[in-house]
C-alpha atoms as a PDB file:
ATOM      1  CA  UNK A   1      -0.002   0.018   0.016  1.00  0.00           C
ATOM      2  CA  UNK A   2       1.317   3.464  -0.909  1.00  0.00           C
ATOM      3  CA  UNK A   3       2.265   6.010   1.763  1.00  0.00           C
ATOM      4  CA  UNK A   4      -0.262   8.768   2.345  1.00  0.00           C
ATOM      5  CA  UNK A   5       0.969  12.307   1.322  1.00  0.00           C
ATOM      6  CA  UNK A   6      -0.046  15.748   2.357  1.00  0.00           C
ATOM      7  CA  UNK A   7       0.483  18.821  -0.163  1.00  0.00           C
ATOM      8  CA  UNK A   8       1.772  22.258   0.518  1.00  0.00           C
ATOM      9  CA  UNK A   9      -1.782  23.406   1.538  1.00  0.00           C
ATOM     10  CA  UNK A  10      -2.238  20.408   3.922  1.00  0.00           C
ATOM     11  CA  UNK A  11      -4.537  18.352   1.713  1.00  0.00           C
ATOM     12  CA  UNK A  12      -4.391  14.661   1.597  1.00  0.00           C
ATOM     13  CA  UNK A  13      -3.025  13.533  -1.774  1.00  0.00           C
ATOM     14  CA  UNK A  14      -3.140   9.761  -1.680  1.00  0.00           C
ATOM     15  CA  UNK A  15      -4.109   8.908  -5.247  1.00  0.00           C
ATOM     16  CA  UNK A  16      -1.740   9.453  -8.155  1.00  0.00           C
ATOM     17  CA  UNK A  17      -3.059   9.421 -11.817  1.00  0.00           C
ATOM     18  CA  UNK A  18      -0.691   9.412 -14.654  1.00  0.00           C
ATOM     19  CA  UNK A  19      -0.882   8.928 -18.463  1.00  0.00           C
ATOM     20  CA  UNK A  20       0.602   9.780 -21.555  1.00  0.00           C
ATOM     21  CA  UNK A  21      -0.950  11.632 -24.446  1.00  0.00           C
ATOM     22  CA  UNK A  22      -0.032  13.325 -27.768  1.00  0.00           C
ATOM     23  CA  UNK A  23       0.373  17.081 -28.118  1.00  0.00           C
ATOM     24  CA  UNK A  24      -3.008  17.195 -29.829  1.00  0.00           C
ATOM     25  CA  UNK A  25      -4.796  15.337 -27.034  1.00  0.00           C
ATOM     26  CA  UNK A  26      -3.136  17.503 -24.515  1.00  0.00           C
ATOM     27  CA  UNK A  27      -4.261  20.514 -26.269  1.00  0.00           C
ATOM     28  CA  UNK A  28      -7.928  19.188 -26.529  1.00  0.00           C
ATOM     29  CA  UNK A  29      -7.697  18.279 -22.739  1.00  0.00           C
ATOM     30  CA  UNK A  30      -6.666  21.857 -21.826  1.00  0.00           C
ATOM     31  CA  UNK A  31      -9.589  23.128 -23.738  1.00  0.00           C
ATOM     32  CA  UNK A  32     -12.044  21.119 -22.121  1.00  0.00           C
ATOM     33  CA  UNK A  33     -10.788  22.051 -18.635  1.00  0.00           C
ATOM     34  CA  UNK A  34     -10.924  25.732 -19.596  1.00  0.00           C
ATOM     35  CA  UNK A  35     -14.508  25.298 -20.610  1.00  0.00           C
ATOM     36  CA  UNK A  36     -15.212  23.559 -17.388  1.00  0.00           C
ATOM     37  CA  UNK A  37     -13.635  26.409 -15.481  1.00  0.00           C
ATOM     38  CA  UNK A  38     -15.690  29.088 -17.497  1.00  0.00           C
ATOM     39  CA  UNK A  39     -18.775  27.085 -16.790  1.00  0.00           C
ATOM     40  CA  UNK A  40     -18.039  27.138 -12.961  1.00  0.00           C
ATOM     41  CA  UNK A  41     -17.305  30.800 -13.142  1.00  0.00           C
ATOM     42  CA  UNK A  42     -20.621  31.687 -14.987  1.00  0.00           C
ATOM     43  CA  UNK A  43     -22.594  29.752 -12.394  1.00  0.00           C
ATOM     44  CA  UNK A  44     -20.650  31.369  -9.482  1.00  0.00           C
ATOM     45  CA  UNK A  45     -21.403  34.773 -10.960  1.00  0.00           C
ATOM     46  CA  UNK A  46     -24.972  33.834 -11.376  1.00  0.00           C
ATOM     47  CA  UNK A  47     -25.123  32.926  -7.836  1.00  0.00           C
ATOM     48  CA  UNK A  48     -23.522  36.059  -6.738  1.00  0.00           C
ATOM     49  CA  UNK A  49     -26.083  38.157  -8.549  1.00  0.00           C
ATOM     50  CA  UNK A  50     -28.850  36.252  -6.907  1.00  0.00           C
ATOM     51  CA  UNK A  51     -27.333  36.795  -3.461  1.00  0.00           C
ATOM     52  CA  UNK A  52     -26.752  40.498  -4.184  1.00  0.00           C
ATOM     53  CA  UNK A  53     -30.345  40.756  -4.578  1.00  0.00           C
ATOM     54  CA  UNK A  54     -31.044  39.196  -1.106  1.00  0.00           C
ATOM     55  CA  UNK A  55     -28.490  41.566   0.675  1.00  0.00           C
ATOM     56  CA  UNK A  56     -26.774  38.737   2.308  1.00  0.00           C
ATOM     57  CA  UNK A  57     -24.291  39.021   5.096  1.00  0.00           C
ATOM     58  CA  UNK A  58     -20.516  39.249   4.779  1.00  0.00           C
ATOM     59  CA  UNK A  59     -20.065  35.711   6.094  1.00  0.00           C
ATOM     60  CA  UNK A  60     -22.341  34.237   3.438  1.00  0.00           C
ATOM     61  CA  UNK A  61     -20.440  36.135   0.779  1.00  0.00           C
ATOM     62  CA  UNK A  62     -17.065  34.832   2.031  1.00  0.00           C
ATOM     63  CA  UNK A  63     -18.276  31.239   1.798  1.00  0.00           C
ATOM     64  CA  UNK A  64     -19.606  31.781  -1.797  1.00  0.00           C
ATOM     65  CA  UNK A  65     -16.191  33.134  -2.805  1.00  0.00           C
ATOM     66  CA  UNK A  66     -14.181  30.270  -1.506  1.00  0.00           C
ATOM     67  CA  UNK A  67     -14.662  28.346  -4.990  1.00  0.00           C
ATOM     68  CA  UNK A  68     -13.834  31.501  -6.787  1.00  0.00           C
ATOM     69  CA  UNK A  69     -10.595  31.851  -4.807  1.00  0.00           C
ATOM     70  CA  UNK A  70      -9.597  28.281  -5.666  1.00  0.00           C
ATOM     71  CA  UNK A  71     -10.379  28.666  -9.310  1.00  0.00           C
ATOM     72  CA  UNK A  72      -8.018  31.796  -9.531  1.00  0.00           C
ATOM     73  CA  UNK A  73      -5.390  29.926  -7.502  1.00  0.00           C
ATOM     74  CA  UNK A  74      -5.468  27.151 -10.192  1.00  0.00           C
ATOM     75  CA  UNK A  75      -5.287  29.599 -13.026  1.00  0.00           C
ATOM     76  CA  UNK A  76      -2.383  31.517 -11.491  1.00  0.00           C
ATOM     77  CA  UNK A  77      -0.362  28.223 -10.974  1.00  0.00           C
ATOM     78  CA  UNK A  78      -0.788  27.169 -14.580  1.00  0.00           C
ATOM     79  CA  UNK A  79       0.641  30.476 -15.841  1.00  0.00           C
END
């Protein structure tokens, strides 16, 4: 059994997935991931607009922004 690992942000990383692909397949995968990120961002923005109309508290806003912060971190790391 493999050793359990913790990453730099103290999250468990005990499963590794690795595979090879051609440059064309890598481009296609990157496009699909980018589309998925755009979809998440659009959904998050819609949710923020809905909550803005409800005049939510700061705590609720912080909770909703956590996924956005995570997405931005991923995008910054990929640059």
